[in-house]
């Protein structure tokens, strides 16, 4: 939280910025619910914090039968900011 820009830290709800832990709990929760919420071959997209793409990718795929398909990079920093996953198999 201390590394965030003031215009982000001071105006975004704290719950939108941190889980008060390692910052990966929500990604695991999304992955854990994917099978129940997505249709076969369904997609889920998640936004990730600067520099956390690899950690978020692992948290999502560890929690579910999701396959990482691609990432979109931030045009300013050229770092991965949106990750896409596809639900594997049939229910």
Protein backbone atom coordinates (compact mmCIF):
# COMPACT_ATOMS: atom_id res chain seq x y z
CA UNK A 1 0.00 0.00 0.00
CA UNK A 2 2.84 2.39 0.77
CA UNK A 3 4.14 2.10 -2.79
CA UNK A 4 0.86 3.14 -4.41
CA UNK A 5 0.57 6.57 -5.97
CA UNK A 6 -1.26 9.02 -3.70
CA UNK A 7 -4.04 9.54 -6.26
CA UNK A 8 -4.76 5.80 -6.09
CA UNK A 9 -4.22 5.19 -2.37
CA UNK A 10 -6.27 8.20 -1.24
CA UNK A 11 -9.28 7.82 -3.53
CA UNK A 12 -9.83 4.10 -4.10
CA UNK A 13 -11.60 2.05 -1.42
CA UNK A 14 -9.03 0.19 0.67
CA UNK A 15 -10.81 -3.12 0.01
CA UNK A 16 -10.25 -2.59 -3.72
CA UNK A 17 -6.51 -2.22 -3.17
CA UNK A 18 -5.55 -4.82 -0.55
CA UNK A 19 -6.64 -8.02 1.13
CA UNK A 20 -4.46 -6.99 4.09
CA UNK A 21 -2.29 -10.05 3.35
CA UNK A 22 -0.13 -11.09 0.44
CA UNK A 23 -2.50 -9.58 -2.13
CA UNK A 24 -3.33 -12.93 -3.73
CA UNK A 25 -6.34 -14.17 -1.74
CA UNK A 26 -8.90 -12.81 -4.19
CA UNK A 27 -7.20 -14.53 -7.14
CA UNK A 28 -7.41 -17.87 -5.36
CA UNK A 29 -11.07 -17.23 -4.53
CA UNK A 30 -11.84 -16.41 -8.17
CA UNK A 31 -10.13 -19.60 -9.28
CA UNK A 32 -11.96 -21.66 -6.66
CA UNK A 33 -15.36 -20.44 -7.89
CA UNK A 34 -14.61 -20.72 -11.62
CA UNK A 35 -15.92 -24.26 -12.09
CA UNK A 36 -19.22 -23.38 -10.46
CA UNK A 37 -19.69 -20.06 -12.24
CA UNK A 38 -18.33 -20.58 -15.75
CA UNK A 39 -19.77 -22.52 -18.64
CA UNK A 40 -17.46 -25.09 -20.22
CA UNK A 41 -14.69 -23.25 -22.07
CA UNK A 42 -15.79 -20.07 -20.25
CA UNK A 43 -13.30 -17.26 -19.71
CA UNK A 44 -12.36 -15.16 -16.72
CA UNK A 45 -10.33 -11.96 -16.83
CA UNK A 46 -8.55 -10.46 -13.85
CA UNK A 47 -6.71 -7.19 -13.40
CA UNK A 48 -3.41 -7.47 -11.59
CA UNK A 49 -1.26 -5.04 -9.68
CA UNK A 50 1.98 -3.82 -11.20
CA UNK A 51 4.53 -6.61 -11.06
CA UNK A 52 2.15 -9.26 -9.64
CA UNK A 53 1.08 -11.03 -12.85
CA UNK A 54 3.10 -14.22 -12.30
CA UNK A 55 1.92 -14.57 -8.69
CA UNK A 56 -1.72 -13.94 -9.64
CA UNK A 57 -1.49 -16.41 -12.54
CA UNK A 58 -0.26 -19.12 -10.18
CA UNK A 59 -2.91 -18.36 -7.55
CA UNK A 60 -5.76 -18.62 -10.07
CA UNK A 61 -4.57 -21.79 -11.79
CA UNK A 62 -3.70 -23.54 -8.52
CA UNK A 63 -7.24 -23.07 -7.25
CA UNK A 64 -9.07 -24.37 -10.35
CA UNK A 65 -8.94 -26.20 -13.64
CA UNK A 66 -8.18 -22.99 -15.48
CA UNK A 67 -5.68 -22.55 -18.25
CA UNK A 68 -3.89 -19.23 -18.69
CA UNK A 69 -4.50 -18.09 -22.26
CA UNK A 70 -3.05 -14.61 -22.61
CA UNK A 71 -2.28 -11.27 -21.00
CA UNK A 72 -2.76 -7.65 -21.95
CA UNK A 73 -0.01 -5.24 -21.15
CA UNK A 74 -0.33 -1.75 -19.76
CA UNK A 75 0.47 0.65 -22.60
CA UNK A 76 2.48 2.94 -20.35
CA UNK A 77 4.58 0.46 -18.35
CA UNK A 78 4.47 -2.45 -20.81
CA UNK A 79 3.79 -4.83 -17.88
CA UNK A 80 1.04 -7.45 -17.80
CA UNK A 81 -2.10 -5.96 -16.22
CA UNK A 82 -5.02 -8.13 -17.39
CA UNK A 83 -4.85 -11.92 -17.42
CA UNK A 84 -7.25 -14.22 -19.26
CA UNK A 85 -7.99 -17.81 -18.25
CA UNK A 86 -10.15 -20.53 -19.84
CA UNK A 87 -12.03 -23.20 -17.93
CA UNK A 88 -10.74 -26.62 -18.94
CA UNK A 89 -12.92 -29.60 -19.76
CA UNK A 90 -16.57 -30.26 -19.26
CA UNK A 91 -18.53 -30.37 -16.03
